[in-house]
Amino acid sequence: MANTKAIVVRCGNEEYAIPVEQTVSIEELEKVNPIPHLPEYLLGLMKIRGELVPILDFQQILYGNSAKDDPNAKVVVVQTEGVYFGLLVLEAKEILDISEDTLTSKGLMAYSKTPYFSSVANLENRIITMIDPTILSDTLTGMDDITDYVGQQVSENV
């Protein structure tokens, strides 16, 4: 059986996993420049290694409260075909090899509010929900606006 390598993060009291192949880095939360008129979960732009990166508060998306004031919060920077963005989480815990035979999608497909949950890893002593960053960026309201805004900022600074 094949394994999936994933970064395990925490939001609320739950664990989520982001595929390693879509993860660019894990960063400390630093100064975020807010952008007016965007959804509350889009905190704004943070400069990471010279690039402007939109920061999404994953805690806000899932539970309606922000992780931005938590001293242990981390930004997991992910890359999809369409966009490069940071997910603010309460904790980035570990890199884990998840065996394909522990993954199931039963019950997830029926819940349309979280289409970015791709599967659940049913491990011996824990349950971890797998996140698909591409679906997340494609389904969240305002992502097109922030992608356009970042593109505009980059062109003006070239």
N, C-alpha and C. Protein backbone atom coordinates (compact mmCIF):
# COMPACT_ATOMS: atom_id res chain seq x y z
N MET A 1 0.83 -1.20 0.00
CA MET A 1 0.00 0.00 0.00
C MET A 1 0.87 1.26 0.00
N ALA A 2 0.45 2.25 -0.75
CA ALA A 2 1.18 3.52 -0.80
C ALA A 2 0.87 4.36 0.44
N ASN A 3 1.79 5.24 0.73
CA ASN A 3 1.60 6.17 1.84
C ASN A 3 1.47 7.58 1.30
N THR A 4 0.75 8.41 2.06
CA THR A 4 0.65 9.82 1.78
C THR A 4 1.42 10.54 2.87
N LYS A 5 2.37 11.38 2.49
CA LYS A 5 3.10 12.21 3.46
C LYS A 5 2.32 13.50 3.64
N ALA A 6 2.07 13.86 4.90
CA ALA A 6 1.26 15.05 5.16
C ALA A 6 1.77 15.79 6.40
N ILE A 7 1.54 17.10 6.38
CA ILE A 7 1.82 17.95 7.54
C ILE A 7 0.56 17.93 8.40
N VAL A 8 0.69 17.55 9.66
CA VAL A 8 -0.46 17.52 10.56
C VAL A 8 -0.52 18.87 11.28
N VAL A 9 -1.69 19.51 11.20
CA VAL A 9 -1.92 20.81 11.85
C VAL A 9 -3.12 20.69 12.78
N ARG A 10 -3.23 21.67 13.68
CA ARG A 10 -4.37 21.66 14.60
C ARG A 10 -5.15 22.95 14.46
N CYS A 11 -6.48 22.81 14.41
CA CYS A 11 -7.42 23.91 14.52
C CYS A 11 -8.50 23.43 15.47
N GLY A 12 -8.91 24.29 16.39
CA GLY A 12 -9.83 23.82 17.42
C GLY A 12 -9.15 22.69 18.16
N ASN A 13 -9.90 21.62 18.44
CA ASN A 13 -9.31 20.45 19.09
C ASN A 13 -9.07 19.33 18.09
N GLU A 14 -9.15 19.64 16.81
CA GLU A 14 -9.06 18.61 15.78
C GLU A 14 -7.75 18.70 15.02
N GLU A 15 -7.37 17.56 14.44
CA GLU A 15 -6.17 17.50 13.62
C GLU A 15 -6.57 17.40 12.15
N TYR A 16 -5.81 18.11 11.32
CA TYR A 16 -6.02 18.12 9.87
C TYR A 16 -4.67 17.85 9.22
N ALA A 17 -4.69 17.36 8.00
CA ALA A 17 -3.44 17.07 7.30
C ALA A 17 -3.44 17.72 5.93
N ILE A 18 -2.30 18.29 5.58
CA ILE A 18 -2.10 18.95 4.29
C ILE A 18 -0.99 18.17 3.57
N PRO A 19 -1.21 17.76 2.33
CA PRO A 19 -0.18 16.98 1.62
C PRO A 19 1.16 17.72 1.56
N VAL A 20 2.23 16.99 1.86
CA VAL A 20 3.57 17.57 1.84
C VAL A 20 3.91 18.12 0.46
N GLU A 21 3.48 17.43 -0.60
CA GLU A 21 3.87 17.89 -1.95
C GLU A 21 3.26 19.24 -2.30
N GLN A 22 2.25 19.70 -1.56
CA GLN A 22 1.68 21.03 -1.82
C GLN A 22 2.14 22.05 -0.78
N THR A 23 2.96 21.61 0.17
CA THR A 23 3.42 22.50 1.23
C THR A 23 4.78 23.09 0.86
N VAL A 24 4.87 24.41 0.95
CA VAL A 24 6.11 25.11 0.61
C VAL A 24 6.96 25.31 1.86
N SER A 25 6.33 25.77 2.93
CA SER A 25 7.06 26.04 4.17
C SER A 25 6.10 26.22 5.34
N ILE A 26 6.66 26.26 6.53
CA ILE A 26 5.90 26.59 7.74
C ILE A 26 6.58 27.80 8.34
N GLU A 27 5.80 28.85 8.58
CA GLU A 27 6.35 30.14 9.00
C GLU A 27 5.69 30.62 10.29
N GLU A 28 6.39 31.52 10.98
CA GLU A 28 5.80 32.25 12.10
C GLU A 28 4.85 33.30 11.52
N LEU A 29 3.78 33.61 12.23
CA LEU A 29 2.89 34.69 11.81
C LEU A 29 3.57 36.01 12.11
N GLU A 30 3.76 36.81 11.06
CA GLU A 30 4.37 38.12 11.23
C GLU A 30 3.38 39.18 10.79
N LYS A 31 3.86 40.35 10.46
CA LYS A 31 2.96 41.44 10.09
C LYS A 31 2.14 41.10 8.85
N VAL A 32 0.84 41.18 9.01
CA VAL A 32 -0.08 40.94 7.91
C VAL A 32 -0.72 42.27 7.54
N ASN A 33 -0.63 42.64 6.27
CA ASN A 33 -1.26 43.88 5.80
C ASN A 33 -2.69 43.57 5.38
N PRO A 34 -3.66 44.11 6.12
CA PRO A 34 -5.06 43.81 5.80
C PRO A 34 -5.47 44.42 4.46
N ILE A 35 -6.45 43.78 3.83
CA ILE A 35 -7.02 44.27 2.59
C ILE A 35 -8.51 44.47 2.86
N PRO A 36 -9.02 45.70 2.69
CA PRO A 36 -10.42 45.97 3.01
C PRO A 36 -11.39 45.21 2.09
N HIS A 37 -12.58 44.99 2.61
CA HIS A 37 -13.72 44.45 1.86
C HIS A 37 -13.59 42.99 1.45
N LEU A 38 -12.72 42.25 2.10
CA LEU A 38 -12.63 40.82 1.83
C LEU A 38 -13.24 40.05 2.99
N PRO A 39 -13.59 38.78 2.78
CA PRO A 39 -14.16 37.99 3.88
C PRO A 39 -13.24 37.98 5.11
N GLU A 40 -13.84 37.79 6.28
CA GLU A 40 -13.12 37.86 7.55
C GLU A 40 -11.96 36.87 7.64
N TYR A 41 -12.09 35.71 7.00
CA TYR A 41 -11.02 34.71 7.09
C TYR A 41 -9.80 35.06 6.25
N LEU A 42 -9.91 36.03 5.34
CA LEU A 42 -8.75 36.49 4.57
C LEU A 42 -8.09 37.62 5.35
N LEU A 43 -7.05 37.28 6.09
CA LEU A 43 -6.42 38.25 6.98
C LEU A 43 -5.71 39.37 6.21
N GLY A 44 -5.19 39.05 5.05
CA GLY A 44 -4.46 40.04 4.26
C GLY A 44 -3.23 39.41 3.67
N LEU A 45 -2.20 40.24 3.43
CA LEU A 45 -0.97 39.78 2.79
C LEU A 45 0.20 39.83 3.76
N MET A 46 1.03 38.81 3.71
CA MET A 46 2.24 38.76 4.52
C MET A 46 3.41 38.56 3.55
N LYS A 47 4.50 39.25 3.79
CA LYS A 47 5.68 39.11 2.93
C LYS A 47 6.49 37.91 3.46
N ILE A 48 6.63 36.89 2.59
CA ILE A 48 7.40 35.70 2.95
C ILE A 48 8.47 35.51 1.88
N ARG A 49 9.72 35.61 2.29
CA ARG A 49 10.86 35.47 1.37
C ARG A 49 10.71 36.37 0.15
N GLY A 50 10.27 37.59 0.40
CA GLY A 50 10.15 38.57 -0.66
C GLY A 50 8.88 38.51 -1.48
N GLU A 51 8.04 37.50 -1.24
CA GLU A 51 6.79 37.34 -1.99
C GLU A 51 5.60 37.78 -1.14
N LEU A 52 4.59 38.36 -1.79
CA LEU A 52 3.34 38.69 -1.09
C LEU A 52 2.46 37.44 -1.09
N VAL A 53 2.11 36.98 0.11
CA VAL A 53 1.35 35.75 0.26
C VAL A 53 0.04 36.05 0.99
N PRO A 54 -1.12 35.72 0.37
CA PRO A 54 -2.40 35.88 1.07
C PRO A 54 -2.47 34.90 2.25
N ILE A 55 -2.95 35.38 3.39
CA ILE A 55 -3.04 34.54 4.59
C ILE A 55 -4.51 34.28 4.90
N LEU A 56 -4.88 33.00 4.93
CA LEU A 56 -6.24 32.58 5.27
C LEU A 56 -6.23 32.02 6.68
N ASP A 57 -7.13 32.49 7.50
CA ASP A 57 -7.24 32.01 8.88
C ASP A 57 -8.09 30.74 8.87
N PHE A 58 -7.43 29.57 8.88
CA PHE A 58 -8.15 28.30 8.78
C PHE A 58 -9.03 28.05 10.00
N GLN A 59 -8.61 28.54 11.15
CA GLN A 59 -9.41 28.45 12.37
C GLN A 59 -10.73 29.22 12.18
N GLN A 60 -10.65 30.38 11.55
CA GLN A 60 -11.84 31.20 11.26
C GLN A 60 -12.76 30.49 10.26
N ILE A 61 -12.18 29.90 9.23
CA ILE A 61 -12.96 29.18 8.22
C ILE A 61 -13.74 28.04 8.86
N LEU A 62 -13.07 27.28 9.71
CA LEU A 62 -13.70 26.09 10.29
C LEU A 62 -14.60 26.37 11.48
N TYR A 63 -14.14 27.24 12.38
CA TYR A 63 -14.82 27.39 13.67
C TYR A 63 -15.36 28.79 13.97
N GLY A 64 -15.10 29.76 13.08
CA GLY A 64 -15.65 31.09 13.29
C GLY A 64 -14.91 31.94 14.30
N ASN A 65 -13.73 31.49 14.77
CA ASN A 65 -12.91 32.34 15.64
C ASN A 65 -11.48 32.31 15.13
N SER A 66 -10.74 33.36 15.40
CA SER A 66 -9.44 33.54 14.77
C SER A 66 -8.30 32.90 15.56
N ALA A 67 -7.27 32.49 14.83
CA ALA A 67 -6.04 31.96 15.45
C ALA A 67 -4.96 33.03 15.51
N LYS A 68 -5.24 34.24 15.02
CA LYS A 68 -4.18 35.25 14.86
C LYS A 68 -3.58 35.73 16.18
N ASP A 69 -4.30 35.59 17.29
CA ASP A 69 -3.76 36.04 18.56
C ASP A 69 -3.12 34.92 19.37
N ASP A 70 -3.14 33.71 18.85
CA ASP A 70 -2.54 32.58 19.56
C ASP A 70 -1.02 32.63 19.38
N PRO A 71 -0.25 32.63 20.48
CA PRO A 71 1.20 32.74 20.37
C PRO A 71 1.87 31.56 19.65
N ASN A 72 1.20 30.41 19.59
CA ASN A 72 1.77 29.23 18.93
C ASN A 72 1.33 29.09 17.48
N ALA A 73 0.50 30.02 17.00
CA ALA A 73 -0.04 29.92 15.64
C ALA A 73 1.08 29.89 14.61
N LYS A 74 0.86 29.11 13.55
CA LYS A 74 1.83 28.99 12.46
C LYS A 74 1.12 29.22 11.14
N VAL A 75 1.88 29.62 10.14
CA VAL A 75 1.38 29.77 8.78
C VAL A 75 1.97 28.66 7.94
N VAL A 76 1.10 27.81 7.40
CA VAL A 76 1.54 26.75 6.49
C VAL A 76 1.34 27.28 5.08
N VAL A 77 2.44 27.50 4.37
CA VAL A 77 2.36 28.06 3.02
C VAL A 77 2.20 26.89 2.04
N VAL A 78 1.14 26.98 1.22
CA VAL A 78 0.85 25.92 0.25
C VAL A 78 0.82 26.50 -1.16
N GLN A 79 1.08 25.62 -2.10
CA GLN A 79 1.08 25.99 -3.52
C GLN A 79 0.08 25.11 -4.24
N THR A 80 -0.83 25.74 -4.97
CA THR A 80 -1.73 25.01 -5.85
C THR A 80 -1.42 25.50 -7.26
N GLU A 81 -2.05 24.91 -8.25
CA GLU A 81 -1.83 25.37 -9.62
C GLU A 81 -2.19 26.84 -9.77
N GLY A 82 -3.30 27.23 -9.13
CA GLY A 82 -3.81 28.58 -9.31
C GLY A 82 -3.22 29.63 -8.40
N VAL A 83 -2.81 29.26 -7.19
CA VAL A 83 -2.42 30.29 -6.22
C VAL A 83 -1.47 29.72 -5.16
N TYR A 84 -0.72 30.63 -4.58
CA TYR A 84 0.22 30.37 -3.50
C TYR A 84 -0.40 31.09 -2.31
N PHE A 85 -0.66 30.42 -1.18
CA PHE A 85 -1.29 31.08 -0.04
C PHE A 85 -0.85 30.44 1.28
N GLY A 86 -1.08 31.17 2.37
CA GLY A 86 -0.74 30.67 3.70
C GLY A 86 -2.01 30.34 4.47
N LEU A 87 -1.97 29.23 5.20
CA LEU A 87 -3.07 28.85 6.07
C LEU A 87 -2.63 29.06 7.51
N LEU A 88 -3.32 29.93 8.23
CA LEU A 88 -3.01 30.16 9.63
C LEU A 88 -3.69 29.08 10.45
N VAL A 89 -2.89 28.33 11.22
CA VAL A 89 -3.39 27.24 12.05
C VAL A 89 -2.89 27.44 13.48
N LEU A 90 -3.52 26.76 14.43
CA LEU A 90 -3.09 26.90 15.82
C LEU A 90 -1.73 26.25 16.06
N GLU A 91 -1.47 25.18 15.33
CA GLU A 91 -0.23 24.47 15.55
C GLU A 91 0.10 23.63 14.32
N ALA A 92 1.36 23.59 13.94
CA ALA A 92 1.83 22.67 12.90
C ALA A 92 2.63 21.62 13.67
N LYS A 93 2.10 20.41 13.73
CA LYS A 93 2.59 19.43 14.69
C LYS A 93 3.70 18.52 14.19
N GLU A 94 3.52 17.92 13.01
CA GLU A 94 4.45 16.87 12.59
C GLU A 94 4.24 16.55 11.13
N ILE A 95 5.19 15.81 10.57
CA ILE A 95 5.02 15.22 9.24
C ILE A 95 4.73 13.75 9.50
N LEU A 96 3.69 13.26 8.85
CA LEU A 96 3.23 11.90 9.12
C LEU A 96 3.06 11.13 7.82
N ASP A 97 3.47 9.88 7.81
CA ASP A 97 3.18 8.97 6.70
C ASP A 97 1.83 8.33 6.99
N ILE A 98 0.86 8.59 6.13
CA ILE A 98 -0.48 8.04 6.33
C ILE A 98 -0.71 6.97 5.28
N SER A 99 -0.96 5.77 5.73
CA SER A 99 -1.17 4.65 4.82
C SER A 99 -2.51 4.81 4.11
N GLU A 100 -2.51 4.57 2.80
CA GLU A 100 -3.72 4.71 1.98
C GLU A 100 -4.87 3.84 2.51
N ASP A 101 -4.54 2.70 3.12
CA ASP A 101 -5.60 1.81 3.60
C ASP A 101 -6.30 2.33 4.86
N THR A 102 -5.78 3.42 5.45
CA THR A 102 -6.47 4.02 6.61
C THR A 102 -7.39 5.16 6.19
N LEU A 103 -7.35 5.54 4.91
CA LEU A 103 -8.13 6.68 4.42
C LEU A 103 -9.52 6.25 3.96
N THR A 104 -10.50 7.04 4.36
CA THR A 104 -11.87 6.80 3.91
C THR A 104 -12.52 8.15 3.60
N SER A 105 -13.45 8.14 2.67
CA SER A 105 -14.19 9.38 2.38
C SER A 105 -15.67 9.21 2.69
N LYS A 106 -16.03 8.09 3.29
CA LYS A 106 -17.44 7.86 3.66
C LYS A 106 -17.93 8.97 4.57
N GLY A 107 -19.09 9.48 4.27
CA GLY A 107 -19.68 10.52 5.10
C GLY A 107 -19.26 11.92 4.73
N LEU A 108 -18.10 12.08 4.10
CA LEU A 108 -17.62 13.42 3.75
C LEU A 108 -18.31 13.97 2.52
N MET A 109 -18.58 13.13 1.55
CA MET A 109 -19.12 13.59 0.28
C MET A 109 -20.51 14.21 0.42
N ALA A 110 -21.22 13.81 1.44
CA ALA A 110 -22.58 14.32 1.64
C ALA A 110 -22.58 15.73 2.24
N TYR A 111 -21.45 16.16 2.77
CA TYR A 111 -21.42 17.45 3.46
C TYR A 111 -20.83 18.51 2.54
N SER A 112 -21.69 19.32 1.95
CA SER A 112 -21.26 20.27 0.91
C SER A 112 -20.54 21.50 1.45
N LYS A 113 -20.61 21.78 2.75
CA LYS A 113 -19.96 22.98 3.29
C LYS A 113 -18.45 22.84 3.38
N THR A 114 -17.94 21.62 3.32
CA THR A 114 -16.50 21.41 3.40
C THR A 114 -16.01 20.50 2.27
N PRO A 115 -16.15 20.94 1.02
CA PRO A 115 -15.73 20.09 -0.10
C PRO A 115 -14.23 19.87 -0.14
N TYR A 116 -13.48 20.70 0.59
CA TYR A 116 -12.02 20.59 0.63
C TYR A 116 -11.55 19.50 1.59
N PHE A 117 -12.45 18.85 2.34
CA PHE A 117 -12.09 17.66 3.12
C PHE A 117 -12.08 16.50 2.14
N SER A 118 -10.91 15.97 1.83
CA SER A 118 -10.81 14.93 0.80
C SER A 118 -11.01 13.53 1.36
N SER A 119 -10.58 13.30 2.59
CA SER A 119 -10.74 12.00 3.22
C SER A 119 -10.42 12.12 4.71
N VAL A 120 -10.62 11.01 5.42
CA VAL A 120 -10.31 10.96 6.84
C VAL A 120 -9.36 9.79 7.07
N ALA A 121 -8.27 10.04 7.79
CA ALA A 121 -7.36 8.97 8.17
C ALA A 121 -7.82 8.42 9.51
N ASN A 122 -8.24 7.17 9.49
CA ASN A 122 -8.71 6.50 10.70
C ASN A 122 -7.54 5.70 11.27
N LEU A 123 -6.75 6.35 12.12
CA LEU A 123 -5.56 5.74 12.68
C LEU A 123 -5.89 5.08 14.02
N GLU A 124 -4.95 4.32 14.54
CA GLU A 124 -5.20 3.55 15.75
C GLU A 124 -5.70 4.40 16.92
N ASN A 125 -5.05 5.53 17.17
CA ASN A 125 -5.42 6.33 18.33
C ASN A 125 -5.81 7.77 17.99
N ARG A 126 -6.08 8.04 16.72
CA ARG A 126 -6.48 9.39 16.32
C ARG A 126 -7.15 9.38 14.96
N ILE A 127 -7.91 10.44 14.72
CA ILE A 127 -8.59 10.63 13.44
C ILE A 127 -8.10 11.96 12.89
N ILE A 128 -7.64 11.95 11.63
CA ILE A 128 -7.09 13.16 11.01
C ILE A 128 -7.82 13.40 9.70
N THR A 129 -8.36 14.60 9.54
CA THR A 129 -9.07 14.95 8.30
C THR A 129 -8.09 15.51 7.29
N MET A 130 -8.10 14.94 6.09
CA MET A 130 -7.21 15.36 5.01
C MET A 130 -7.82 16.56 4.28
N ILE A 131 -6.99 17.57 4.01
CA ILE A 131 -7.41 18.80 3.33
C ILE A 131 -6.83 18.81 1.92
N ASP A 132 -7.64 19.21 0.95
CA ASP A 132 -7.15 19.41 -0.40
C ASP A 132 -7.03 20.92 -0.63
N PRO A 133 -5.80 21.48 -0.60
CA PRO A 133 -5.61 22.92 -0.75
C PRO A 133 -6.16 23.49 -2.06
N THR A 134 -6.13 22.71 -3.13
CA THR A 134 -6.64 23.19 -4.41
C THR A 134 -8.15 23.42 -4.33
N ILE A 135 -8.86 22.45 -3.78
CA ILE A 135 -10.32 22.61 -3.64
C ILE A 135 -10.62 23.74 -2.66
N LEU A 136 -9.83 23.85 -1.59
CA LEU A 136 -10.02 24.94 -0.63
C LEU A 136 -9.92 26.29 -1.33
N SER A 137 -8.86 26.50 -2.11
CA SER A 137 -8.69 27.80 -2.77
C SER A 137 -9.73 28.03 -3.86
N ASP A 138 -10.21 26.95 -4.48
CA ASP A 138 -11.22 27.08 -5.54
C ASP A 138 -12.62 27.36 -5.02
N THR A 139 -12.90 26.98 -3.77
CA THR A 139 -14.28 27.09 -3.26
C THR A 139 -14.52 28.25 -2.30
N LEU A 140 -13.48 28.85 -1.78
CA LEU A 140 -13.69 29.94 -0.82
C LEU A 140 -14.03 31.25 -1.52
N THR A 141 -15.04 31.91 -1.04
CA THR A 141 -15.44 33.22 -1.56
C THR A 141 -14.31 34.22 -1.33
N GLY A 142 -14.00 34.99 -2.35
CA GLY A 142 -13.00 36.03 -2.22
C GLY A 142 -11.61 35.63 -2.69
N MET A 143 -11.37 34.35 -2.94
CA MET A 143 -10.03 33.93 -3.36
C MET A 143 -9.66 34.51 -4.73
N ASP A 144 -10.63 34.59 -5.62
CA ASP A 144 -10.34 35.19 -6.93
C ASP A 144 -9.92 36.65 -6.76
N ASP A 145 -10.63 37.36 -5.87
CA ASP A 145 -10.31 38.76 -5.62
C ASP A 145 -8.91 38.92 -5.06
N ILE A 146 -8.55 38.07 -4.10
CA ILE A 146 -7.22 38.21 -3.48
C ILE A 146 -6.12 37.82 -4.48
N THR A 147 -6.37 36.81 -5.32
CA THR A 147 -5.40 36.42 -6.33
C THR A 147 -5.18 37.55 -7.33
N ASP A 148 -6.27 38.19 -7.75
CA ASP A 148 -6.16 39.34 -8.66
C ASP A 148 -5.39 40.48 -8.00
N TYR A 149 -5.69 40.74 -6.71
CA TYR A 149 -5.05 41.83 -5.98
C TYR A 149 -3.54 41.58 -5.88
N VAL A 150 -3.15 40.35 -5.53
CA VAL A 150 -1.72 40.01 -5.41
C VAL A 150 -1.03 40.18 -6.76
N GLY A 151 -1.68 39.69 -7.82
CA GLY A 151 -1.12 39.83 -9.17
C GLY A 151 -0.90 41.29 -9.52
N GLN A 152 -1.86 42.12 -9.14
CA GLN A 152 -1.78 43.56 -9.41
C GLN A 152 -0.62 44.18 -8.64
N GLN A 153 -0.46 43.81 -7.38
CA GLN A 153 0.62 44.35 -6.54
C GLN A 153 1.99 43.94 -7.10
N VAL A 154 2.10 42.71 -7.54
CA VAL A 154 3.37 42.21 -8.09
C VAL A 154 3.71 42.97 -9.37
N SER A 155 2.71 43.17 -10.27
CA SER A 155 2.97 43.88 -11.52
C SER A 155 3.39 45.33 -11.26
N GLU A 156 2.79 45.96 -10.26
CA GLU A 156 3.13 47.37 -9.96
C GLU A 156 4.55 47.48 -9.42
N ASN A 157 5.04 46.43 -8.75
CA ASN A 157 6.36 46.48 -8.14
C ASN A 157 7.47 45.96 -9.05
N VAL A 158 7.11 45.54 -10.26
CA VAL A 158 8.14 45.02 -11.18
C VAL A 158 8.81 46.14 -11.93
